[in-house]
Amino acid sequence: MPKIETFDAANFWKNAYAHQRGKLLKKVDVPEDQIIVLASKKYVELPAALKYEIETSGITKKELQ
């Protein structure tokens, strides 16, 4: 059984600027009006379903730079 790759989103979120967070949220199909609100929150304050989607989406840090 293959291992699911996960993105270290908590570490990325802590060190990212708002525009980088917004880019990440766009990649997981978050509506534009919610991106503004969510990008300013701490990672632990995001909904669990959204965190799961981000971590298992297959996005790499290189794609977000």
C-alpha atoms as a PDB file:
ATOM      1  CA  MET A   1       0.000   0.000   0.000  1.00  0.00           C
ATOM      2  CA  PRO A   2       1.557   3.336  -1.034  1.00  0.00           C
ATOM      3  CA  LYS A   3       2.176   5.962   1.595  1.00  0.00           C
ATOM      4  CA  ILE A   4       0.131   9.147   1.251  1.00  0.00           C
ATOM      5  CA  GLU A   5       2.395  12.145   0.768  1.00  0.00           C
ATOM      6  CA  THR A   6       1.564  15.079   2.976  1.00  0.00           C
ATOM      7  CA  PHE A   7       2.456  18.732   2.685  1.00  0.00           C
ATOM      8  CA  ASP A   8       3.958  20.336   5.802  1.00  0.00           C
ATOM      9  CA  ALA A   9       1.284  23.001   5.783  1.00  0.00           C
ATOM     10  CA  ALA A  10       1.641  24.124   9.396  1.00  0.00           C
ATOM     11  CA  ASN A  11       5.297  25.010   8.909  1.00  0.00           C
ATOM     12  CA  PHE A  12       4.627  26.635   5.534  1.00  0.00           C
ATOM     13  CA  TRP A  13       1.706  28.655   6.958  1.00  0.00           C
ATOM     14  CA  LYS A  14       3.813  29.930   9.875  1.00  0.00           C
ATOM     15  CA  ASN A  15       6.570  31.228   7.554  1.00  0.00           C
ATOM     16  CA  ALA A  16       4.438  32.394   4.600  1.00  0.00           C
ATOM     17  CA  TYR A  17       3.254  35.843   3.653  1.00  0.00           C
ATOM     18  CA  ALA A  18      -0.455  36.458   3.017  1.00  0.00           C
ATOM     19  CA  HIS A  19      -0.096  36.269  -0.781  1.00  0.00           C
ATOM     20  CA  GLN A  20       1.602  32.860  -0.482  1.00  0.00           C
ATOM     21  CA  ARG A  21      -1.173  31.638   1.813  1.00  0.00           C
ATOM     22  CA  GLY A  22      -3.723  32.927  -0.684  1.00  0.00           C
ATOM     23  CA  LYS A  23      -2.013  31.064  -3.507  1.00  0.00           C
ATOM     24  CA  LEU A  24      -2.183  27.849  -1.460  1.00  0.00           C
ATOM     25  CA  LEU A  25      -5.872  28.372  -0.699  1.00  0.00           C
ATOM     26  CA  LYS A  26      -6.626  29.017  -4.396  1.00  0.00           C
ATOM     27  CA  LYS A  27      -4.979  25.707  -5.303  1.00  0.00           C
ATOM     28  CA  VAL A  28      -7.422  23.847  -3.056  1.00  0.00           C
ATOM     29  CA  ASP A  29     -10.421  25.698  -4.541  1.00  0.00           C
ATOM     30  CA  VAL A  30     -11.354  28.007  -1.667  1.00  0.00           C
ATOM     31  CA  PRO A  31     -13.765  30.770  -2.797  1.00  0.00           C
ATOM     32  CA  GLU A  32     -12.156  34.206  -3.254  1.00  0.00           C
ATOM     33  CA  ASP A  33     -14.190  35.896  -0.493  1.00  0.00           C
ATOM     34  CA  GLN A  34     -13.082  33.265   2.037  1.00  0.00           C
ATOM     35  CA  ILE A  35      -9.406  33.468   1.034  1.00  0.00           C
ATOM     36  CA  ILE A  36      -9.131  36.996   2.428  1.00  0.00           C
ATOM     37  CA  VAL A  37     -10.519  35.896   5.796  1.00  0.00           C
ATOM     38  CA  LEU A  38      -8.648  32.594   6.050  1.00  0.00           C
ATOM     39  CA  ALA A  39      -5.230  33.932   4.966  1.00  0.00           C
ATOM     40  CA  SER A  40      -5.055  36.129   8.054  1.00  0.00           C
ATOM     41  CA  LYS A  41      -5.838  33.306  10.504  1.00  0.00           C
ATOM     42  CA  LYS A  42      -3.376  30.995  12.235  1.00  0.00           C
ATOM     43  CA  TYR A  43      -3.137  27.507  10.765  1.00  0.00           C
ATOM     44  CA  VAL A  44      -4.685  25.862  13.836  1.00  0.00           C
ATOM     45  CA  GLU A  45      -7.755  28.110  13.445  1.00  0.00           C
ATOM     46  CA  LEU A  46      -8.546  26.760   9.958  1.00  0.00           C
ATOM     47  CA  PRO A  47     -11.354  24.194   9.641  1.00  0.00           C
ATOM     48  CA  ALA A  48     -10.180  20.586   9.967  1.00  0.00           C
ATOM     49  CA  ALA A  49     -11.542  19.625   6.552  1.00  0.00           C
ATOM     50  CA  LEU A  50      -9.587  22.436   4.889  1.00  0.00           C
ATOM     51  CA  LYS A  51      -6.369  21.471   6.691  1.00  0.00           C
ATOM     52  CA  TYR A  52      -6.820  17.854   5.563  1.00  0.00           C
ATOM     53  CA  GLU A  53      -7.414  18.990   1.964  1.00  0.00           C
ATOM     54  CA  ILE A  54      -4.262  21.128   2.010  1.00  0.00           C
ATOM     55  CA  GLU A  55      -2.067  18.443   3.549  1.00  0.00           C
ATOM     56  CA  THR A  56      -3.166  15.694   1.173  1.00  0.00           C
ATOM     57  CA  SER A  57      -3.508  17.756  -2.005  1.00  0.00           C
ATOM     58  CA  GLY A  58      -0.068  16.861  -3.376  1.00  0.00           C
ATOM     59  CA  ILE A  59       1.002  20.510  -3.538  1.00  0.00           C
ATOM     60  CA  THR A  60       4.712  21.141  -3.105  1.00  0.00           C
ATOM     61  CA  LYS A  61       6.365  24.141  -1.509  1.00  0.00           C
ATOM     62  CA  LYS A  62       8.112  24.822  -4.824  1.00  0.00           C
ATOM     63  CA  GLU A  63       4.729  25.393  -6.532  1.00  0.00           C
ATOM     64  CA  LEU A  64       3.905  28.139  -4.037  1.00  0.00           C
ATOM     65  CA  GLN A  65       7.103  30.193  -4.288  1.00  0.00           C
END
